[in-house]
C-alpha cells in the first residue's frame, strides 16, 4: 500500500480531527490598564487580566486545562493550544466579550468561551478586579458592579490594538455574554442603566431573596458598604454608577442566569434595542428567576427566554470533578452541568449566528 510521508500524514490526521470536532482553539493572555481597577483591587493595581480564545492553526497542539491543584483539580475546563498561531485566512472573525460571575474567573467560563472559539468566534474574557477567584476579593470589587462593563470595554480596546489579535477581529460583529453578575454585565454593556439604590431598597424589602443573602464566594454587609463609602474616590465612583456604560460595538447579548437585575432601571431595559437571549434554571436560588432573569425577559422588547427545569445557578460553571464535588461549595450545588452546558452552547451559537452572521 502507498503511504503518505509522515509529516503530510500527520497533518492530514490533524485536519481530519479538526473537521470532526471543530477548529483547534488557541488561548492567549494579555494585561491592560483599567481606570477603576486600582479602586477594586486589594493591592491597588491598575491592571486588568484578559484571556482570549480563538480559532488556531490546525497543526496547533491542544492541552487540557483545569482549575485547582494539578494533582487534584476541582473543575475541568477544556483543551486549548497556548499562544498558538491564528487559523490561516484573511477573514475577520466575530467577537464575543465574556464576563464571569461573582467571584469567578475567565477560566471558569472556559467551557463556554472555548466552545464558541471552536465555532469560529474570538472570545475576549476578563478577570474582574477585586471580584475574581484568583485575587483577594474586596468590598469595592463586589460592589462597583457597573465597572465590570468598563472592564469589557478596556479589554476590547486592548485586543483591538494588539498587533497579533486585532487584525483578526471584526468590530462590526461584536456580541457580549455573561453568567450571573456577568449576565448583569452583559445587559449593562448592551445599554441597561444602573441605579444602586434600587437594589438596596429591594433588599431592605426582601432580605431573604437569594441576591440579598450572604454570597457563597464573598459576603458584603451593609456596614462594609458604608465603610467603603468613607473613601472619597470610592464615593465619587459610586456617583458614576448611573452613567451610560454601553459598549457601542455590542450587537447582541446572551445572558446566563443573570443576577443583580434589581439594580437596573426598568425603563432602560424597556429601551434596549440590542437582541437579548436569557437562559436560566428554574431551580436557581442564588439569582432567583422571578426577581432576575424573568424580569429581563418581561421588560426587554422581543427578548427570548430558555428555561431549564431542575437546573440551579452553579450548573453554569465549568464541569466539577469528583474532587470538586467533594470539596468545592459551588460544586455541591451543581446538579446538571453537562446538559446545561450543551444547551447553552447550542443556544448561544444559534443566537449569535442569527445576529452576528456566519463565522466562516
Protein backbone atom coordinates (compact mmCIF):
# COMPACT_ATOMS: atom_id res chain seq x y z
CA UNK A 1 0.00 0.00 0.00
CA UNK A 2 1.21 3.50 -0.84
CA UNK A 3 1.80 5.61 2.29
CA UNK A 4 2.00 9.36 2.72
CA UNK A 5 5.26 10.78 4.07
CA UNK A 6 4.97 11.02 7.84
CA UNK A 7 4.73 14.83 8.05
CA UNK A 8 1.96 15.01 5.46
CA UNK A 9 0.16 12.10 7.06
CA UNK A 10 0.29 13.76 10.46
CA UNK A 11 -1.08 16.98 9.00
CA UNK A 12 -3.98 15.16 7.38
CA UNK A 13 -4.79 13.48 10.68
CA UNK A 14 -4.85 16.88 12.37
CA UNK A 15 -7.08 18.29 9.64
CA UNK A 16 -9.42 15.30 9.91
CA UNK A 17 -9.68 15.75 13.66
CA UNK A 18 -10.36 19.45 13.17
CA UNK A 19 -13.17 18.75 10.72
CA UNK A 20 -14.66 16.17 13.08
CA UNK A 21 -14.52 18.24 16.25
CA UNK A 22 -14.40 21.87 15.08
CA UNK A 23 -11.48 24.26 14.90
CA UNK A 24 -8.43 23.94 17.08
CA UNK A 25 -8.62 26.57 19.82
CA UNK A 26 -5.80 28.83 20.91
CA UNK A 27 -5.56 30.61 24.23
CA UNK A 28 -3.51 33.71 24.91
CA UNK A 29 -3.32 36.22 27.75
CA UNK A 30 -2.84 39.96 27.91
CA UNK A 31 -2.84 42.65 30.60
CA UNK A 32 -4.07 46.19 30.14
CA UNK A 33 -4.64 49.19 32.37
CA UNK A 34 -8.14 49.87 33.65
CA UNK A 35 -9.28 53.22 35.02
CA UNK A 36 -11.01 51.83 38.12
CA UNK A 37 -9.11 48.59 38.68
CA UNK A 38 -6.96 50.14 41.41
CA UNK A 39 -10.10 51.12 43.34
CA UNK A 40 -11.25 47.49 43.35
CA UNK A 41 -8.02 45.50 43.53
CA UNK A 42 -6.81 44.57 47.03
CA UNK A 43 -3.27 45.68 46.14
CA UNK A 44 -4.49 48.78 44.26
CA UNK A 45 -3.05 47.52 40.98
CA UNK A 46 -4.40 49.29 37.87
CA UNK A 47 -4.18 46.10 35.79
CA UNK A 48 -6.89 44.07 34.06
CA UNK A 49 -6.11 40.47 33.04
CA UNK A 50 -7.51 39.34 29.69
CA UNK A 51 -7.93 35.82 28.31
CA UNK A 52 -8.55 35.34 24.59
CA UNK A 53 -9.78 32.12 22.96
CA UNK A 54 -9.68 31.95 19.18
CA UNK A 55 -9.60 29.59 16.19
CA UNK A 56 -5.99 28.43 15.92
CA UNK A 57 -3.86 26.96 13.17
CA UNK A 58 -4.90 23.34 12.54
CA UNK A 59 -1.48 21.95 13.45
CA UNK A 60 -1.51 23.60 16.91
CA UNK A 61 -1.42 21.12 19.78
CA UNK A 62 -4.09 21.43 22.45
CA UNK A 63 -3.60 20.62 26.13
CA UNK A 64 -6.25 20.05 28.77
CA UNK A 65 -6.73 22.86 31.25
CA UNK A 66 -8.32 22.72 34.67
CA UNK A 67 -8.78 24.73 37.86
CA UNK A 68 -7.33 23.65 41.18
CA UNK A 69 -4.27 21.69 42.27
CA UNK A 70 -2.65 19.88 39.30
CA UNK A 71 -2.81 16.56 41.14
CA UNK A 72 -6.44 17.04 42.18
CA UNK A 73 -8.24 19.62 40.01
CA UNK A 74 -11.66 20.87 41.04
CA UNK A 75 -13.00 21.92 37.63
CA UNK A 76 -12.38 20.57 34.13
CA UNK A 77 -12.35 23.47 31.68
CA UNK A 78 -11.49 22.08 28.24
CA UNK A 79 -8.47 21.94 25.93
CA UNK A 80 -6.55 24.76 24.25
CA UNK A 81 -3.30 25.38 22.40
CA UNK A 82 -1.35 28.01 24.39
CA UNK A 83 -0.28 31.03 22.31
CA UNK A 84 -0.89 29.18 19.05
CA UNK A 85 -0.93 30.97 15.72
CA UNK A 86 -4.34 32.09 14.50
CA UNK A 87 -6.09 29.95 11.92
CA UNK A 88 -4.94 30.87 8.41
CA UNK A 89 -7.03 33.16 6.23
CA UNK A 90 -7.77 36.84 5.84
CA UNK A 91 -11.34 36.73 7.14
CA UNK A 92 -12.03 38.76 10.25
CA UNK A 93 -13.93 36.90 12.95
CA UNK A 94 -16.91 37.99 15.05
CA UNK A 95 -16.04 38.81 18.66
CA UNK A 96 -17.72 37.77 21.91
CA UNK A 97 -16.96 39.66 25.14
CA UNK A 98 -17.38 37.34 28.13
CA UNK A 99 -17.94 38.23 31.79
CA UNK A 100 -17.68 35.73 34.65
CA UNK A 101 -19.91 35.59 37.71
CA UNK A 102 -19.40 36.97 41.21
CA UNK A 103 -16.03 35.72 42.45
CA UNK A 104 -15.36 33.69 39.31
CA UNK A 105 -12.66 33.91 36.65
CA UNK A 106 -12.36 33.98 32.90
CA UNK A 107 -11.11 30.39 33.05
CA UNK A 108 -14.10 29.03 34.93
CA UNK A 109 -16.21 30.18 31.98
CA UNK A 110 -13.85 28.40 29.60
CA UNK A 111 -16.42 25.67 28.90
CA UNK A 112 -18.44 28.36 27.11
CA UNK A 113 -15.69 30.53 25.63
CA UNK A 114 -13.66 27.64 24.22
CA UNK A 115 -16.77 26.11 22.62
CA UNK A 116 -17.57 29.39 20.83
CA UNK A 117 -13.95 29.79 19.71
CA UNK A 118 -14.14 26.28 18.28
CA UNK A 119 -17.04 27.50 16.15
CA UNK A 120 -15.05 30.43 14.80
CA UNK A 121 -15.53 33.29 17.28
CA UNK A 122 -12.82 35.29 19.01
CA UNK A 123 -13.79 35.30 22.68
CA UNK A 124 -12.38 38.04 24.92
CA UNK A 125 -12.81 37.36 28.64
CA UNK A 126 -11.52 39.12 31.76
CA UNK A 127 -10.83 38.61 35.44
CA UNK A 128 -12.82 41.43 37.03
CA UNK A 129 -10.55 43.24 39.53
CA UNK A 130 -11.38 42.68 43.19
CA UNK A 131 -14.08 40.16 42.35
CA UNK A 132 -12.35 37.10 40.97
CA UNK A 133 -11.26 33.74 42.29
CA UNK A 134 -7.53 34.34 41.80
CA UNK A 135 -7.00 37.53 43.80
CA UNK A 136 -8.16 38.59 47.24
CA UNK A 137 -11.71 39.88 46.90
CA UNK A 138 -12.68 43.33 48.11
CA UNK A 139 -15.84 45.17 49.11
CA UNK A 140 -15.30 47.60 46.23
CA UNK A 141 -14.82 44.76 43.77
CA UNK A 142 -18.05 43.21 44.99
CA UNK A 143 -19.99 46.48 44.97
CA UNK A 144 -18.94 48.56 41.96
CA UNK A 145 -20.76 46.28 39.54
CA UNK A 146 -21.11 48.80 36.70
CA UNK A 147 -17.34 48.91 36.30
CA UNK A 148 -17.50 45.34 35.05
CA UNK A 149 -18.82 46.68 31.73
CA UNK A 150 -15.92 49.13 31.68
CA UNK A 151 -13.58 46.14 32.13
CA UNK A 152 -15.03 44.62 28.96
CA UNK A 153 -14.64 47.95 27.16
CA UNK A 154 -10.97 48.14 28.19
CA UNK A 155 -10.40 44.54 27.08
CA UNK A 156 -12.00 45.19 23.70
CA UNK A 157 -9.83 48.26 23.18
CA UNK A 158 -6.66 46.44 24.21
CA UNK A 159 -7.25 43.42 21.99
CA UNK A 160 -8.29 45.58 19.05
CA UNK A 161 -4.97 47.43 19.30
CA UNK A 162 -2.94 44.24 19.80
CA UNK A 163 -0.97 43.50 16.59
CA UNK A 164 -1.42 39.74 17.00
CA UNK A 165 -5.15 39.77 17.78
CA UNK A 166 -6.68 42.95 16.38
CA UNK A 167 -6.25 42.18 12.66
CA UNK A 168 -8.43 39.09 13.10
CA UNK A 169 -11.33 40.89 14.84
CA UNK A 170 -14.47 42.10 13.07
CA UNK A 171 -15.65 45.05 15.17
CA UNK A 172 -18.87 45.32 13.20
CA UNK A 173 -19.87 41.94 14.72
CA UNK A 174 -19.42 42.12 18.48
CA UNK A 175 -21.57 40.25 20.97
CA UNK A 176 -21.48 40.02 24.75
CA UNK A 177 -22.19 37.11 27.07
CA UNK A 178 -22.05 36.58 30.80
CA UNK A 179 -23.09 34.43 33.72
CA UNK A 180 -24.71 35.65 36.96
CA UNK A 181 -23.10 39.03 37.75
CA UNK A 182 -21.61 38.58 34.28
CA UNK A 183 -25.14 38.39 32.89
CA UNK A 184 -25.83 41.72 34.57
CA UNK A 185 -22.59 42.98 32.99
CA UNK A 186 -23.76 41.90 29.55
CA UNK A 187 -27.01 43.84 30.00
CA UNK A 188 -25.15 46.97 31.09
CA UNK A 189 -22.78 46.67 28.13
CA UNK A 190 -25.87 46.41 25.91
CA UNK A 191 -27.35 49.63 27.31
CA UNK A 192 -29.11 48.94 30.62
CA UNK A 193 -28.59 51.65 33.25
CA UNK A 194 -27.61 51.03 36.87
CA UNK A 195 -29.21 52.52 39.98
CA UNK A 196 -27.54 51.02 43.10
CA UNK A 197 -30.18 52.49 45.40
CA UNK A 198 -32.82 50.31 43.71
CA UNK A 199 -31.05 47.15 44.85
CA UNK A 200 -30.57 48.46 48.38
CA UNK A 201 -34.27 49.27 48.63
CA UNK A 202 -35.19 45.89 47.17
CA UNK A 203 -33.03 44.05 49.69
CA UNK A 204 -34.45 46.01 52.60
CA UNK A 205 -37.89 44.84 51.50
CA UNK A 206 -36.78 41.30 50.50
CA UNK A 207 -33.83 40.29 52.73
CA UNK A 208 -34.38 36.59 52.02
CA UNK A 209 -34.03 36.92 48.24
CA UNK A 210 -31.01 34.98 47.00
CA UNK A 211 -29.29 38.13 45.76
CA UNK A 212 -29.68 39.82 49.16
CA UNK A 213 -28.42 36.95 51.30
CA UNK A 214 -24.70 36.48 52.07
CA UNK A 215 -22.98 35.24 48.93
CA UNK A 216 -21.14 31.94 48.81
CA UNK A 217 -17.96 33.47 47.41
CA UNK A 218 -17.68 36.67 49.50
CA UNK A 219 -20.07 38.39 51.87
CA UNK A 220 -20.54 42.16 51.99
CA UNK A 221 -22.53 43.54 54.92
CA UNK A 222 -24.31 46.93 54.95
CA UNK A 223 -21.64 48.05 57.41
CA UNK A 224 -18.90 47.04 54.96
CA UNK A 225 -20.60 49.04 52.24
CA UNK A 226 -20.96 52.15 54.37
CA UNK A 227 -17.31 51.93 55.44
CA UNK A 228 -16.30 51.70 51.77
CA UNK A 229 -18.14 54.94 51.03
CA UNK A 230 -15.95 56.79 53.53
CA UNK A 231 -13.22 56.79 50.88
CA UNK A 232 -13.76 59.89 48.67
CA UNK A 233 -12.53 58.19 45.50
CA UNK A 234 -14.98 55.31 46.00
CA UNK A 235 -17.83 57.69 46.73
CA UNK A 236 -17.04 59.54 43.51
CA UNK A 237 -17.09 56.26 41.58
CA UNK A 238 -20.48 55.33 43.10
CA UNK A 239 -21.78 58.67 41.82
CA UNK A 240 -20.89 57.46 38.31
CA UNK A 241 -22.98 54.30 38.59
CA UNK A 242 -25.96 55.69 36.70
CA UNK A 243 -23.83 56.96 33.80
CA UNK A 244 -24.03 55.30 30.41
CA UNK A 245 -21.74 52.25 30.37
CA UNK A 246 -22.89 50.97 26.99
CA UNK A 247 -20.26 49.42 24.72
CA UNK A 248 -21.39 50.81 21.33
CA UNK A 249 -19.99 47.92 19.30
CA UNK A 250 -22.22 45.34 21.03
CA UNK A 251 -24.86 43.95 18.67
CA UNK A 252 -26.31 41.06 20.74
CA UNK A 253 -26.32 39.90 24.39
CA UNK A 254 -26.52 36.31 25.62
CA UNK A 255 -27.32 36.27 29.33
CA UNK A 256 -26.91 33.20 31.57
CA UNK A 257 -28.66 33.10 34.97
CA UNK A 258 -28.44 36.89 35.37
CA UNK A 259 -28.10 38.40 38.84
CA UNK A 260 -28.31 41.92 40.35
CA UNK A 261 -31.16 42.72 37.96
CA UNK A 262 -32.98 44.68 40.66
CA UNK A 263 -30.26 47.34 40.38
CA UNK A 264 -31.18 48.02 36.75
CA UNK A 265 -33.52 50.84 35.78
CA UNK A 266 -36.67 49.24 34.39
CA UNK A 267 -37.13 51.92 31.74
CA UNK A 268 -33.61 51.30 30.42
CA UNK A 269 -34.36 47.60 29.98
CA UNK A 270 -37.53 48.52 28.12
CA UNK A 271 -35.48 50.78 25.82
CA UNK A 272 -32.94 48.12 24.83
CA UNK A 273 -32.81 47.55 21.10
CA UNK A 274 -29.96 45.05 21.15
CA UNK A 275 -31.25 41.46 20.79
CA UNK A 276 -31.17 39.67 24.15
CA UNK A 277 -31.47 35.97 24.94
CA UNK A 278 -31.76 34.74 28.52
CA UNK A 279 -31.06 31.20 29.67
CA UNK A 280 -31.71 30.24 33.28
CA UNK A 281 -32.52 27.35 35.57
CA UNK A 282 -35.85 27.30 37.35
CA UNK A 283 -34.19 25.78 40.45
CA UNK A 284 -31.83 28.76 40.84
CA UNK A 285 -31.99 30.06 44.42
CA UNK A 286 -28.89 32.29 44.15
CA UNK A 287 -30.30 34.55 41.43
CA UNK A 288 -33.99 33.62 41.59
CA UNK A 289 -35.55 33.87 38.12
CA UNK A 290 -38.64 35.68 39.41
CA UNK A 291 -36.55 38.66 40.57
CA UNK A 292 -33.82 38.48 37.93
CA UNK A 293 -33.97 36.67 34.58
CA UNK A 294 -37.74 36.72 34.22
CA UNK A 295 -37.74 40.45 34.92
CA UNK A 296 -35.37 40.92 31.99
CA UNK A 297 -37.48 38.68 29.78
CA UNK A 298 -40.59 40.67 30.62
CA UNK A 299 -39.11 44.15 30.16
CA UNK A 300 -36.70 43.83 27.22
CA UNK A 301 -38.52 44.11 23.89
CA UNK A 302 -38.57 40.80 21.99
CA UNK A 303 -36.16 39.12 24.42
CA UNK A 304 -36.06 35.34 24.06
CA UNK A 305 -36.04 33.03 27.07
CA UNK A 306 -34.84 29.48 27.67
CA UNK A 307 -35.93 27.91 30.97
CA UNK A 308 -34.19 24.75 32.13
CA UNK A 309 -36.17 22.56 34.52
CA UNK A 310 -34.31 21.45 37.64
CA UNK A 311 -31.18 23.46 36.83
CA UNK A 312 -29.52 25.59 39.50
CA UNK A 313 -27.17 28.56 39.47
CA UNK A 314 -23.83 26.76 39.61
CA UNK A 315 -24.61 24.42 36.73
CA UNK A 316 -23.24 27.25 34.57
CA UNK A 317 -19.69 26.85 35.93
CA UNK A 318 -17.04 24.61 34.36
CA UNK A 319 -17.56 20.91 34.98
CA UNK A 320 -16.87 19.82 38.55
CA UNK A 321 -14.53 16.90 39.09
CA UNK A 322 -15.07 14.31 41.81
CA UNK A 323 -12.67 16.31 43.98
CA UNK A 324 -14.62 19.48 43.25
CA UNK A 325 -17.91 17.85 44.14
CA UNK A 326 -16.40 16.67 47.40
CA UNK A 327 -14.76 19.93 48.44
CA UNK A 328 -15.90 23.00 46.46
CA UNK A 329 -19.07 24.62 47.86
CA UNK A 330 -20.27 25.67 44.39
CA UNK A 331 -19.90 22.12 43.09
CA UNK A 332 -22.06 20.79 45.90
CA UNK A 333 -24.88 22.90 44.43
CA UNK A 334 -24.38 21.88 40.79
CA UNK A 335 -26.72 19.15 39.58
CA UNK A 336 -26.96 19.04 35.76
CA UNK A 337 -23.85 20.61 34.31
CA UNK A 338 -23.21 18.63 31.13
CA UNK A 339 -26.73 19.03 29.76
CA UNK A 340 -26.84 22.68 30.84
CA UNK A 341 -23.57 23.35 29.03
CA UNK A 342 -24.73 21.62 25.86
CA UNK A 343 -27.99 23.53 25.69
CA UNK A 344 -26.33 26.87 26.49
CA UNK A 345 -23.60 26.41 23.88
CA UNK A 346 -26.04 25.36 21.17
CA UNK A 347 -28.35 28.26 22.03
CA UNK A 348 -25.51 30.80 22.00
CA UNK A 349 -24.19 29.53 18.67
CA UNK A 350 -27.64 29.85 17.12
CA UNK A 351 -28.31 33.25 18.73
CA UNK A 352 -25.01 34.84 17.74
CA UNK A 353 -25.22 33.21 14.33
CA UNK A 354 -28.53 34.97 13.72
CA UNK A 355 -27.40 38.38 14.94
CA UNK A 356 -23.67 38.49 14.13
CA UNK A 357 -23.62 36.38 10.97
CA UNK A 358 -21.68 33.31 9.94
CA UNK A 359 -18.23 32.69 11.38
CA UNK A 360 -16.79 31.32 8.14
